[in-house]
Amino acid sequence: MPDGRTRKRYNKDMNNAYLISQSTTDWKTSMMDPGVRYHLHSSDNGTFGVSTVVVDANQRVHLYYMGDMHAVNNIRHALSIDGGDTFTFQSNDVCGDFNGIGTQYSHLDPFALLLNDNRIRIYTVNANGTIVPPTSAYQANWNIYSFISSDNGMTFTQEMNSNGNDTLVKASFFADANVRSLHDPKAVQLPDGRIKVFMNGSTFPFGNNLVWDIYSVTSLPPVVSSTKDKQKQLSFSISPNPARDLIHITSNERIEKMEILSFSGKRILQTRENNMDISNLKSGIYLLKVHTQGGFWDIQKLVIQ
C-alpha cells in the first residue's frame, strides 16, 4: 500500500456483496479492518473471484478482479484514491471481452505488475473454450496473455509477442515437460529490466493422474556490454528457423559454444560447432544461447517443427 507498511488482504463477505479486509504492520499478525472497502458493482452478479492489486505512479490503488462468474466471468476494475481504504467501480471490461462469448472464452485470473517505466501490465489466462484437461488425451488450450496500460491502469491494450502473436506463453513452449495447460500467472521485474513470469502448469507424467508444477519464462536479456569503455553488440542468426534436422549459426563474433535450452531453463544440447543436429528433439519452441570467445552472449528463440 502507499503508506509503505500496511499490506491489506481483500476478500468478499460470504453473506454480502461487499469486500472487507485484513491488515498487518509486522508481516506476521493481521487484524480485521473496520468498515467496508468496496461494494461490488451490480454487473458483478454478487461474485468476487481471483484479484490483484497494484499501486500506480500517482499512489492510487487499483483492484482488478473476476466478476459475474456465473456468465460473463471476466476482469473488472475498481480504484482507490485513499490508500486502499475505499474503492469505486471503474470498468467491467478491462480486457475488452465483456460482450464476447464469456465463461471459458474470457480472460481470467489477472495479475498486475507496475513496470520500471510506470506502465502497468496485466497477465491473464484464457481457456480458449477448453477445460482443465481431465485426461492425457484431452487437447486443452489454456495459455497466458498480457495487456498493457500507459495511462496509470485506467485502460489496457492487448500486447503482441515478438512474432506478432497475441499469446504470450503457450503450454507447448514447455515441450520437454509436456505441459498441457497454463494457469495462475505471477510476474516480477528483475533488476536488469527483464520480466520473469511464473505459472502453474498441468501435466500427466503418470498415466491419467493430473500433476501441477510451477514453470517460468523470462524475457530475453538486454544486450550484454563489454566491461571496457566501448560497448559491443553480439549479433547472430539461425538458419533455418523453424527447423527440423540441422541448424547453422552465423555470428559477428567468434563462437565459443552454443546451448539449446528449454523454456524452463533446462540445457538440452551443447556444442562448439556452428552446426547443430536437432533431429532428436521434440517439436516445440526452445531457446538458443550463443557464447562468444570475447565473453559475450545472447539468446534467440528456436522453433523445432
C-alpha atoms as a PDB file:
ATOM      1  CA  MET A   1       0.000   0.000   0.000  1.00  0.00           C
ATOM      2  CA  PRO A   2       1.141   3.626  -0.447  1.00  0.00           C
ATOM      3  CA  ASP A   3       1.912   4.029   3.263  1.00  0.00           C
ATOM      4  CA  GLY A   4       4.845   1.636   2.800  1.00  0.00           C
ATOM      5  CA  ARG A   5       3.877  -0.500   5.782  1.00  0.00           C
ATOM      6  CA  THR A   6       0.380  -1.909   5.687  1.00  0.00           C
ATOM      7  CA  ARG A   7      -0.499  -4.786   3.445  1.00  0.00           C
ATOM      8  CA  LYS A   8      -4.212  -5.483   3.091  1.00  0.00           C
ATOM      9  CA  ARG A   9      -5.962  -8.676   2.099  1.00  0.00           C
ATOM     10  CA  TYR A  10      -9.294  -8.080   0.424  1.00  0.00           C
ATOM     11  CA  ASN A  11     -11.976 -10.735   0.464  1.00  0.00           C
ATOM     12  CA  LYS A  12     -15.726 -10.921  -0.062  1.00  0.00           C
ATOM     13  CA  ASP A  13     -18.028 -11.231   2.903  1.00  0.00           C
ATOM     14  CA  MET A  14     -19.705 -14.588   2.243  1.00  0.00           C
ATOM     15  CA  ASN A  15     -23.185 -13.269   3.044  1.00  0.00           C
ATOM     16  CA  ASN A  16     -22.983  -9.860   1.394  1.00  0.00           C
ATOM     17  CA  ALA A  17     -21.849  -8.279  -1.888  1.00  0.00           C
ATOM     18  CA  TYR A  18     -19.007  -6.230  -0.456  1.00  0.00           C
ATOM     19  CA  LEU A  19     -15.314  -6.544   0.360  1.00  0.00           C
ATOM     20  CA  ILE A  20     -13.703  -6.402   3.767  1.00  0.00           C
ATOM     21  CA  SER A  21     -10.001  -6.500   4.559  1.00  0.00           C
ATOM     22  CA  GLN A  22      -7.305  -7.503   6.993  1.00  0.00           C
ATOM     23  CA  SER A  23      -4.133  -5.506   7.674  1.00  0.00           C
ATOM     24  CA  THR A  24      -0.701  -6.173   9.073  1.00  0.00           C
ATOM     25  CA  THR A  25       2.143  -3.870  10.035  1.00  0.00           C
ATOM     26  CA  ASP A  26       4.665  -6.541  11.015  1.00  0.00           C
ATOM     27  CA  TRP A  27       4.098  -9.102   8.209  1.00  0.00           C
ATOM     28  CA  LYS A  28       3.306 -11.702  10.902  1.00  0.00           C
ATOM     29  CA  THR A  29      -0.038 -10.914  12.503  1.00  0.00           C
ATOM     30  CA  SER A  30      -3.146  -9.390  10.952  1.00  0.00           C
ATOM     31  CA  MET A  31      -6.428  -7.988  12.183  1.00  0.00           C
ATOM     32  CA  MET A  32      -9.756  -7.120  10.609  1.00  0.00           C
ATOM     33  CA  ASP A  33     -10.156  -3.537   9.427  1.00  0.00           C
ATOM     34  CA  PRO A  34     -13.354  -1.725  10.370  1.00  0.00           C
ATOM     35  CA  GLY A  35     -15.896  -0.908   7.701  1.00  0.00           C
ATOM     36  CA  VAL A  36     -16.289  -1.909   4.060  1.00  0.00           C
ATOM     37  CA  ARG A  37     -13.648  -1.453   1.370  1.00  0.00           C
ATOM     38  CA  TYR A  38     -15.798  -1.911  -1.733  1.00  0.00           C
ATOM     39  CA  HIS A  39     -19.403  -2.642  -2.630  1.00  0.00           C
ATOM     40  CA  LEU A  40     -19.457  -4.931  -5.654  1.00  0.00           C
ATOM     41  CA  HIS A  41     -20.933  -3.486  -8.821  1.00  0.00           C
ATOM     42  CA  SER A  42     -24.359  -4.705  -9.912  1.00  0.00           C
ATOM     43  CA  SER A  43     -22.824  -6.296 -13.030  1.00  0.00           C
ATOM     44  CA  ASP A  44     -20.614  -8.495 -10.820  1.00  0.00           C
ATOM     45  CA  ASN A  45     -23.671 -10.634 -10.084  1.00  0.00           C
ATOM     46  CA  GLY A  46     -22.681 -10.886  -6.413  1.00  0.00           C
ATOM     47  CA  THR A  47     -19.411 -12.688  -7.152  1.00  0.00           C
ATOM     48  CA  PHE A  48     -15.777 -11.813  -6.500  1.00  0.00           C
ATOM     49  CA  GLY A  49     -13.056 -14.144  -7.749  1.00  0.00           C
ATOM     50  CA  VAL A  50      -9.299 -14.027  -8.305  1.00  0.00           C
ATOM     51  CA  SER A  51      -7.992 -10.492  -7.748  1.00  0.00           C
ATOM     52  CA  THR A  52      -4.787  -8.473  -7.937  1.00  0.00           C
ATOM     53  CA  VAL A  53      -3.804  -5.078  -6.509  1.00  0.00           C
ATOM     54  CA  VAL A  54      -1.229  -2.608  -7.828  1.00  0.00           C
ATOM     55  CA  VAL A  55      -0.200   0.904  -6.770  1.00  0.00           C
ATOM     56  CA  ASP A  56       0.395   3.249  -9.721  1.00  0.00           C
ATOM     57  CA  ALA A  57       2.928   6.076 -10.117  1.00  0.00           C
ATOM     58  CA  ASN A  58       0.432   8.524  -8.560  1.00  0.00           C
ATOM     59  CA  GLN A  59      -0.026   6.348  -5.462  1.00  0.00           C
ATOM     60  CA  ARG A  60      -3.547   5.311  -6.439  1.00  0.00           C
ATOM     61  CA  VAL A  61      -4.514   1.714  -5.688  1.00  0.00           C
ATOM     62  CA  HIS A  62      -6.055  -0.392  -8.467  1.00  0.00           C
ATOM     63  CA  LEU A  63      -8.059  -3.553  -7.797  1.00  0.00           C
ATOM     64  CA  TYR A  64      -8.575  -5.872 -10.775  1.00  0.00           C
ATOM     65  CA  TYR A  65     -10.840  -8.826 -10.079  1.00  0.00           C
ATOM     66  CA  MET A  66     -13.058 -11.538 -11.571  1.00  0.00           C
ATOM     67  CA  GLY A  67     -16.784 -10.777 -11.526  1.00  0.00           C
ATOM     68  CA  ASP A  68     -20.046 -12.311 -12.748  1.00  0.00           C
ATOM     69  CA  MET A  69     -18.547 -15.788 -12.588  1.00  0.00           C
ATOM     70  CA  HIS A  70     -21.935 -17.306 -13.477  1.00  0.00           C
ATOM     71  CA  ALA A  71     -21.918 -15.964 -17.043  1.00  0.00           C
ATOM     72  CA  VAL A  72     -19.554 -13.307 -18.455  1.00  0.00           C
ATOM     73  CA  ASN A  73     -16.796 -14.215 -15.959  1.00  0.00           C
ATOM     74  CA  ASN A  74     -14.277 -11.536 -16.887  1.00  0.00           C
ATOM     75  CA  ILE A  75     -11.907  -8.988 -15.300  1.00  0.00           C
ATOM     76  CA  ARG A  76     -13.241  -5.821 -13.659  1.00  0.00           C
ATOM     77  CA  HIS A  77     -11.560  -2.705 -12.227  1.00  0.00           C
ATOM     78  CA  ALA A  78     -12.066  -0.651  -9.053  1.00  0.00           C
ATOM     79  CA  LEU A  79      -9.942   2.347  -7.991  1.00  0.00           C
ATOM     80  CA  SER A  80      -8.927   3.773  -4.612  1.00  0.00           C
ATOM     81  CA  ILE A  81      -7.540   7.289  -4.098  1.00  0.00           C
ATOM     82  CA  ASP A  82      -7.309   6.975  -0.297  1.00  0.00           C
ATOM     83  CA  GLY A  83      -4.570   4.371   0.045  1.00  0.00           C
ATOM     84  CA  GLY A  84      -6.743   1.308  -0.491  1.00  0.00           C
ATOM     85  CA  ASP A  85      -9.367   2.043   2.165  1.00  0.00           C
ATOM     86  CA  THR A  86     -12.302   2.582  -0.210  1.00  0.00           C
ATOM     87  CA  PHE A  87     -12.730   1.672  -3.872  1.00  0.00           C
ATOM     88  CA  THR A  88     -15.069   2.885  -6.599  1.00  0.00           C
ATOM     89  CA  PHE A  89     -16.105   0.874  -9.643  1.00  0.00           C
ATOM     90  CA  GLN A  90     -14.414   1.839 -12.938  1.00  0.00           C
ATOM     91  CA  SER A  91     -14.998  -0.851 -15.564  1.00  0.00           C
ATOM     92  CA  ASN A  92     -16.354  -4.346 -16.128  1.00  0.00           C
ATOM     93  CA  ASP A  93     -14.453  -4.733 -19.415  1.00  0.00           C
ATOM     94  CA  VAL A  94     -10.729  -4.400 -18.688  1.00  0.00           C
ATOM     95  CA  CYS A  95      -9.713  -6.826 -21.466  1.00  0.00           C
ATOM     96  CA  GLY A  96     -12.416  -5.950 -23.985  1.00  0.00           C
ATOM     97  CA  ASP A  97     -14.259  -9.276 -23.676  1.00  0.00           C
ATOM     98  CA  PHE A  98     -17.448  -8.228 -21.851  1.00  0.00           C
ATOM     99  CA  ASN A  99     -19.562  -8.633 -24.981  1.00  0.00           C
ATOM    100  CA  GLY A 100     -17.837 -11.860 -26.004  1.00  0.00           C
ATOM    101  CA  ILE A 101     -18.911 -15.459 -25.544  1.00  0.00           C
ATOM    102  CA  GLY A 102     -17.960 -15.418 -21.862  1.00  0.00           C
ATOM    103  CA  THR A 103     -17.214 -18.312 -19.470  1.00  0.00           C
ATOM    104  CA  GLN A 104     -14.378 -20.401 -20.978  1.00  0.00           C
ATOM    105  CA  TYR A 105     -13.563 -17.772 -23.601  1.00  0.00           C
ATOM    106  CA  SER A 106     -12.903 -14.804 -21.265  1.00  0.00           C
ATOM    107  CA  HIS A 107      -9.609 -13.573 -19.863  1.00  0.00           C
ATOM    108  CA  LEU A 108      -9.245 -14.903 -16.312  1.00  0.00           C
ATOM    109  CA  ASP A 109      -7.099 -14.787 -13.167  1.00  0.00           C
ATOM    110  CA  PRO A 110      -5.404 -11.363 -13.537  1.00  0.00           C
ATOM    111  CA  PHE A 111      -2.033 -10.415 -12.106  1.00  0.00           C
ATOM    112  CA  ALA A 112      -0.972  -6.745 -12.301  1.00  0.00           C
ATOM    113  CA  LEU A 113       2.648  -5.542 -12.322  1.00  0.00           C
ATOM    114  CA  LEU A 114       3.949  -1.959 -12.158  1.00  0.00           C
ATOM    115  CA  LEU A 115       6.884  -1.773 -14.575  1.00  0.00           C
ATOM    116  CA  ASN A 116      10.030   0.297 -14.144  1.00  0.00           C
ATOM    117  CA  ASP A 117       8.731   2.820 -16.695  1.00  0.00           C
ATOM    118  CA  ASN A 118       5.491   3.235 -14.655  1.00  0.00           C
ATOM    119  CA  ARG A 119       3.302   1.411 -17.160  1.00  0.00           C
ATOM    120  CA  ILE A 120       1.065  -1.307 -15.740  1.00  0.00           C
ATOM    121  CA  ARG A 121       0.876  -4.761 -17.280  1.00  0.00           C
ATOM    122  CA  ILE A 122      -1.823  -7.320 -16.530  1.00  0.00           C
ATOM    123  CA  TYR A 123      -1.149 -11.007 -17.166  1.00  0.00           C
ATOM    124  CA  THR A 124      -4.193 -13.189 -17.796  1.00  0.00           C
ATOM    125  CA  VAL A 125      -5.217 -16.743 -18.634  1.00  0.00           C
ATOM    126  CA  ASN A 126      -7.647 -17.676 -21.396  1.00  0.00           C
ATOM    127  CA  ALA A 127      -9.010 -21.205 -21.702  1.00  0.00           C
ATOM    128  CA  ASN A 128      -9.997 -20.615 -25.348  1.00  0.00           C
ATOM    129  CA  GLY A 129     -13.110 -22.729 -24.917  1.00  0.00           C
ATOM    130  CA  THR A 130     -11.433 -25.743 -23.321  1.00  0.00           C
ATOM    131  CA  ILE A 131     -11.464 -27.112 -19.774  1.00  0.00           C
ATOM    132  CA  VAL A 132      -8.640 -28.221 -17.500  1.00  0.00           C
ATOM    133  CA  PRO A 133      -7.513 -31.457 -19.201  1.00  0.00           C
ATOM    134  CA  PRO A 134      -9.262 -34.406 -17.472  1.00  0.00           C
ATOM    135  CA  THR A 135      -7.071 -36.986 -19.232  1.00  0.00           C
ATOM    136  CA  SER A 136      -3.746 -37.074 -21.051  1.00  0.00           C
ATOM    137  CA  ALA A 137      -5.598 -37.358 -24.383  1.00  0.00           C
ATOM    138  CA  TYR A 138      -7.679 -34.190 -23.949  1.00  0.00           C
ATOM    139  CA  GLN A 139      -6.473 -31.232 -26.039  1.00  0.00           C
ATOM    140  CA  ALA A 140      -6.614 -28.228 -23.713  1.00  0.00           C
ATOM    141  CA  ASN A 141      -5.749 -24.688 -24.798  1.00  0.00           C
ATOM    142  CA  TRP A 142      -5.137 -22.652 -21.624  1.00  0.00           C
ATOM    143  CA  ASN A 143      -2.462 -20.041 -22.407  1.00  0.00           C
ATOM    144  CA  ILE A 144      -1.044 -16.827 -20.907  1.00  0.00           C
ATOM    145  CA  TYR A 145      -1.708 -13.350 -22.353  1.00  0.00           C
ATOM    146  CA  SER A 146      -0.764  -9.800 -21.410  1.00  0.00           C
ATOM    147  CA  PHE A 147      -2.346  -6.337 -21.581  1.00  0.00           C
ATOM    148  CA  ILE A 148      -0.510  -3.021 -21.146  1.00  0.00           C
ATOM    149  CA  SER A 149      -1.639   0.355 -19.771  1.00  0.00           C
ATOM    150  CA  SER A 150       0.133   3.667 -20.380  1.00  0.00           C
ATOM    151  CA  ASP A 151      -2.468   5.771 -18.527  1.00  0.00           C
ATOM    152  CA  ASN A 152      -1.874   4.580 -14.967  1.00  0.00           C
ATOM    153  CA  GLY A 153      -4.050   1.499 -15.134  1.00  0.00           C
ATOM    154  CA  MET A 154      -7.254   3.005 -16.499  1.00  0.00           C
ATOM    155  CA  THR A 155      -7.300   1.383 -19.955  1.00  0.00           C
ATOM    156  CA  PHE A 156      -5.440  -1.597 -21.394  1.00  0.00           C
ATOM    157  CA  THR A 157      -4.389  -2.813 -24.831  1.00  0.00           C
ATOM    158  CA  GLN A 158      -3.598  -6.438 -25.587  1.00  0.00           C
ATOM    159  CA  GLU A 159       0.073  -6.977 -26.380  1.00  0.00           C
ATOM    160  CA  MET A 160       1.685  -8.969 -29.155  1.00  0.00           C
ATOM    161  CA  ASN A 161       4.825 -11.071 -28.781  1.00  0.00           C
ATOM    162  CA  SER A 162       7.892 -10.699 -30.997  1.00  0.00           C
ATOM    163  CA  ASN A 163       6.277 -12.933 -33.622  1.00  0.00           C
ATOM    164  CA  GLY A 164       3.150 -10.790 -33.832  1.00  0.00           C
ATOM    165  CA  ASN A 165       1.010 -13.330 -31.983  1.00  0.00           C
ATOM    166  CA  ASP A 166      -1.279 -12.301 -29.110  1.00  0.00           C
ATOM    167  CA  THR A 167      -0.333 -15.342 -26.999  1.00  0.00           C
ATOM    168  CA  LEU A 168       2.471 -14.585 -24.540  1.00  0.00           C
ATOM    169  CA  VAL A 169       3.130 -18.127 -23.313  1.00  0.00           C
ATOM    170  CA  LYS A 170       1.762 -21.383 -24.718  1.00  0.00           C
ATOM    171  CA  ALA A 171       1.777 -24.735 -22.975  1.00  0.00           C
ATOM    172  CA  SER A 172       3.669 -26.102 -25.982  1.00  0.00           C
ATOM    173  CA  PHE A 173       6.653 -23.915 -25.055  1.00  0.00           C
ATOM    174  CA  PHE A 174       7.421 -26.473 -22.337  1.00  0.00           C
ATOM    175  CA  ALA A 175       7.884 -29.336 -24.775  1.00  0.00           C
ATOM    176  CA  ASP A 176      10.345 -31.163 -22.542  1.00  0.00           C
ATOM    177  CA  ALA A 177       7.757 -31.471 -19.742  1.00  0.00           C
ATOM    178  CA  ASN A 178       4.693 -31.998 -21.981  1.00  0.00           C
ATOM    179  CA  VAL A 179       2.719 -29.276 -20.171  1.00  0.00           C
ATOM    180  CA  ARG A 180      -0.975 -29.425 -21.090  1.00  0.00           C
ATOM    181  CA  SER A 181      -2.409 -26.156 -19.738  1.00  0.00           C
ATOM    182  CA  LEU A 182      -1.174 -22.991 -18.003  1.00  0.00           C
ATOM    183  CA  HIS A 183      -2.789 -21.150 -15.082  1.00  0.00           C
ATOM    184  CA  ASP A 184      -2.310 -18.503 -12.356  1.00  0.00           C
ATOM    185  CA  PRO A 185       0.384 -16.199 -13.817  1.00  0.00           C
ATOM    186  CA  LYS A 186       2.573 -14.183 -11.433  1.00  0.00           C
ATOM    187  CA  ALA A 187       5.354 -11.861 -12.596  1.00  0.00           C
ATOM    188  CA  VAL A 188       8.314  -9.847 -11.293  1.00  0.00           C
ATOM    189  CA  GLN A 189      10.633  -7.376 -12.977  1.00  0.00           C
ATOM    190  CA  LEU A 190      14.283  -8.234 -12.388  1.00  0.00           C
ATOM    191  CA  PRO A 191      16.924  -5.580 -11.575  1.00  0.00           C
ATOM    192  CA  ASP A 192      18.251  -5.686 -15.160  1.00  0.00           C
ATOM    193  CA  GLY A 193      14.799  -4.948 -16.594  1.00  0.00           C
ATOM    194  CA  ARG A 194      13.850  -8.472 -17.675  1.00  0.00           C
ATOM    195  CA  ILE A 195      10.425  -9.866 -16.762  1.00  0.00           C
ATOM    196  CA  LYS A 196      10.071 -13.308 -15.197  1.00  0.00           C
ATOM    197  CA  VAL A 197       6.608 -14.866 -15.323  1.00  0.00           C
ATOM    198  CA  PHE A 198       5.733 -17.818 -13.100  1.00  0.00           C
ATOM    199  CA  MET A 199       2.708 -20.006 -13.801  1.00  0.00           C
ATOM    200  CA  ASN A 200       1.044 -23.233 -12.756  1.00  0.00           C
ATOM    201  CA  GLY A 201       1.210 -25.970 -15.377  1.00  0.00           C
ATOM    202  CA  SER A 202      -0.665 -29.260 -15.651  1.00  0.00           C
ATOM    203  CA  THR A 203       0.981 -32.480 -16.810  1.00  0.00           C
ATOM    204  CA  PHE A 204       0.192 -36.197 -16.901  1.00  0.00           C
ATOM    205  CA  PRO A 205       3.511 -37.876 -16.067  1.00  0.00           C
ATOM    206  CA  PHE A 206       1.828 -40.999 -14.647  1.00  0.00           C
ATOM    207  CA  GLY A 207      -0.920 -42.102 -16.992  1.00  0.00           C
ATOM    208  CA  ASN A 208      -4.057 -40.044 -16.400  1.00  0.00           C
ATOM    209  CA  ASN A 209      -3.022 -38.735 -12.978  1.00  0.00           C
ATOM    210  CA  LEU A 210      -3.026 -34.918 -13.252  1.00  0.00           C
ATOM    211  CA  VAL A 211       0.038 -33.228 -11.664  1.00  0.00           C
ATOM    212  CA  TRP A 212       0.580 -29.498 -11.074  1.00  0.00           C
ATOM    213  CA  ASP A 213       4.011 -27.841 -11.079  1.00  0.00           C
ATOM    214  CA  ILE A 214       5.411 -24.307 -11.236  1.00  0.00           C
ATOM    215  CA  TYR A 215       7.019 -23.193 -14.513  1.00  0.00           C
ATOM    216  CA  SER A 216       8.548 -19.900 -15.584  1.00  0.00           C
ATOM    217  CA  VAL A 217       9.635 -17.918 -18.612  1.00  0.00           C
ATOM    218  CA  THR A 218      11.962 -14.926 -18.694  1.00  0.00           C
ATOM    219  CA  SER A 219      12.093 -12.195 -21.309  1.00  0.00           C
ATOM    220  CA  LEU A 220      15.240 -12.017 -23.393  1.00  0.00           C
ATOM    221  CA  PRO A 221      18.116 -10.165 -21.700  1.00  0.00           C
ATOM    222  CA  PRO A 222      19.339  -6.766 -22.811  1.00  0.00           C
ATOM    223  CA  VAL A 223      22.444  -6.705 -24.972  1.00  0.00           C
ATOM    224  CA  VAL A 224      25.447  -7.632 -22.830  1.00  0.00           C
ATOM    225  CA  SER A 225      28.015  -4.864 -22.899  1.00  0.00           C
ATOM    226  CA  SER A 226      31.774  -5.122 -22.702  1.00  0.00           C
ATOM    227  CA  THR A 227      33.406  -4.195 -19.409  1.00  0.00           C
ATOM    228  CA  LYS A 228      35.577  -1.844 -21.452  1.00  0.00           C
ATOM    229  CA  ASP A 229      34.539   1.712 -22.252  1.00  0.00           C
ATOM    230  CA  LYS A 230      33.465   0.720 -25.729  1.00  0.00           C
ATOM    231  CA  GLN A 231      30.215  -1.240 -25.931  1.00  0.00           C
ATOM    232  CA  LYS A 232      29.874  -4.124 -28.312  1.00  0.00           C
ATOM    233  CA  GLN A 233      26.737  -5.851 -29.579  1.00  0.00           C
ATOM    234  CA  LEU A 234      26.550  -9.545 -30.354  1.00  0.00           C
ATOM    235  CA  SER A 235      24.520 -10.439 -33.410  1.00  0.00           C
ATOM    236  CA  PHE A 236      23.817 -13.953 -34.648  1.00  0.00           C
ATOM    237  CA  SER A 237      21.345 -15.678 -36.933  1.00  0.00           C
ATOM    238  CA  ILE A 238      19.829 -19.164 -37.057  1.00  0.00           C
ATOM    239  CA  SER A 239      19.217 -20.886 -40.365  1.00  0.00           C
ATOM    240  CA  PRO A 240      16.721 -22.330 -40.932  1.00  0.00           C
ATOM    241  CA  ASN A 241      14.274 -21.282 -38.232  1.00  0.00           C
ATOM    242  CA  PRO A 242      11.828 -23.083 -37.926  1.00  0.00           C
ATOM    243  CA  ALA A 243      13.954 -26.182 -38.435  1.00  0.00           C
ATOM    244  CA  ARG A 244      13.733 -29.944 -38.115  1.00  0.00           C
ATOM    245  CA  ASP A 245      17.095 -31.704 -38.566  1.00  0.00           C
ATOM    246  CA  LEU A 246      20.067 -29.328 -38.666  1.00  0.00           C
ATOM    247  CA  ILE A 247      20.642 -25.646 -37.887  1.00  0.00           C
ATOM    248  CA  HIS A 248      23.547 -23.390 -38.797  1.00  0.00           C
ATOM    249  CA  ILE A 249      24.540 -20.353 -36.756  1.00  0.00           C
ATOM    250  CA  THR A 250      26.413 -17.333 -38.078  1.00  0.00           C
ATOM    251  CA  SER A 251      27.678 -14.564 -35.811  1.00  0.00           C
ATOM    252  CA  ASN A 252      29.581 -11.291 -35.947  1.00  0.00           C
ATOM    253  CA  GLU A 253      31.810 -12.705 -33.178  1.00  0.00           C
ATOM    254  CA  ARG A 254      33.735 -15.963 -32.992  1.00  0.00           C
ATOM    255  CA  ILE A 255      31.509 -18.528 -31.271  1.00  0.00           C
ATOM    256  CA  GLU A 256      32.836 -20.288 -28.181  1.00  0.00           C
ATOM    257  CA  LYS A 257      29.846 -22.586 -27.626  1.00  0.00           C
ATOM    258  CA  MET A 258      26.118 -22.892 -28.258  1.00  0.00           C
ATOM    259  CA  GLU A 259      23.382 -24.267 -25.990  1.00  0.00           C
ATOM    260  CA  ILE A 260      19.778 -25.226 -26.648  1.00  0.00           C
ATOM    261  CA  LEU A 261      17.618 -24.620 -23.572  1.00  0.00           C
ATOM    262  CA  SER A 262      14.024 -25.477 -22.809  1.00  0.00           C
ATOM    263  CA  PHE A 263      11.740 -22.602 -21.760  1.00  0.00           C
ATOM    264  CA  SER A 264      12.117 -23.844 -18.194  1.00  0.00           C
ATOM    265  CA  GLY A 265      15.889 -23.232 -18.440  1.00  0.00           C
ATOM    266  CA  LYS A 266      17.000 -26.846 -18.764  1.00  0.00           C
ATOM    267  CA  ARG A 267      20.027 -27.426 -21.016  1.00  0.00           C
ATOM    268  CA  ILE A 268      19.088 -29.817 -23.819  1.00  0.00           C
ATOM    269  CA  LEU A 269      22.116 -29.728 -26.131  1.00  0.00           C
ATOM    270  CA  GLN A 270      25.532 -28.093 -26.236  1.00  0.00           C
ATOM    271  CA  THR A 271      28.172 -27.846 -28.952  1.00  0.00           C
ATOM    272  CA  ARG A 272      31.220 -25.838 -30.001  1.00  0.00           C
ATOM    273  CA  GLU A 273      30.425 -26.180 -33.709  1.00  0.00           C
ATOM    274  CA  ASN A 274      28.458 -23.738 -35.857  1.00  0.00           C
ATOM    275  CA  ASN A 275      26.206 -26.588 -36.962  1.00  0.00           C
ATOM    276  CA  MET A 276      23.892 -28.417 -34.543  1.00  0.00           C
ATOM    277  CA  ASP A 277      21.935 -31.625 -35.078  1.00  0.00           C
ATOM    278  CA  ILE A 278      18.439 -31.205 -33.603  1.00  0.00           C
ATOM    279  CA  SER A 279      16.782 -34.240 -35.180  1.00  0.00           C
ATOM    280  CA  ASN A 280      16.295 -35.970 -31.804  1.00  0.00           C
ATOM    281  CA  LEU A 281      14.422 -33.051 -30.199  1.00  0.00           C
ATOM    282  CA  LYS A 282      10.648 -32.905 -29.863  1.00  0.00           C
ATOM    283  CA  SER A 283       8.702 -30.297 -31.794  1.00  0.00           C
ATOM    284  CA  GLY A 284       8.267 -27.085 -29.858  1.00  0.00           C
ATOM    285  CA  ILE A 285       9.830 -23.743 -29.001  1.00  0.00           C
ATOM    286  CA  TYR A 286      13.297 -23.599 -27.433  1.00  0.00           C
ATOM    287  CA  LEU A 287      15.961 -21.017 -26.638  1.00  0.00           C
ATOM    288  CA  LEU A 288      19.332 -20.964 -28.406  1.00  0.00           C
ATOM    289  CA  LYS A 289      22.076 -19.354 -26.320  1.00  0.00           C
ATOM    290  CA  VAL A 290      25.317 -18.380 -28.056  1.00  0.00           C
ATOM    291  CA  HIS A 291      28.558 -17.632 -26.185  1.00  0.00           C
ATOM    292  CA  THR A 292      31.496 -15.909 -27.898  1.00  0.00           C
ATOM    293  CA  GLN A 293      35.208 -16.064 -27.193  1.00  0.00           C
ATOM    294  CA  GLY A 294      35.063 -12.400 -26.224  1.00  0.00           C
ATOM    295  CA  GLY A 295      32.785 -13.184 -23.295  1.00  0.00           C
ATOM    296  CA  PHE A 296      29.540 -12.005 -24.880  1.00  0.00           C
ATOM    297  CA  TRP A 297      26.311 -13.987 -25.070  1.00  0.00           C
ATOM    298  CA  ASP A 298      22.805 -13.614 -26.444  1.00  0.00           C
ATOM    299  CA  ILE A 299      19.615 -15.676 -26.751  1.00  0.00           C
ATOM    300  CA  GLN A 300      17.148 -16.182 -29.586  1.00  0.00           C
ATOM    301  CA  LYS A 301      14.009 -18.251 -29.936  1.00  0.00           C
ATOM    302  CA  LEU A 302      14.326 -21.509 -31.922  1.00  0.00           C
ATOM    303  CA  VAL A 303      11.283 -23.290 -33.348  1.00  0.00           C
ATOM    304  CA  ILE A 304      11.638 -27.022 -33.993  1.00  0.00           C
ATOM    305  CA  GLN A 305       8.982 -28.500 -36.278  1.00  0.00           C
END
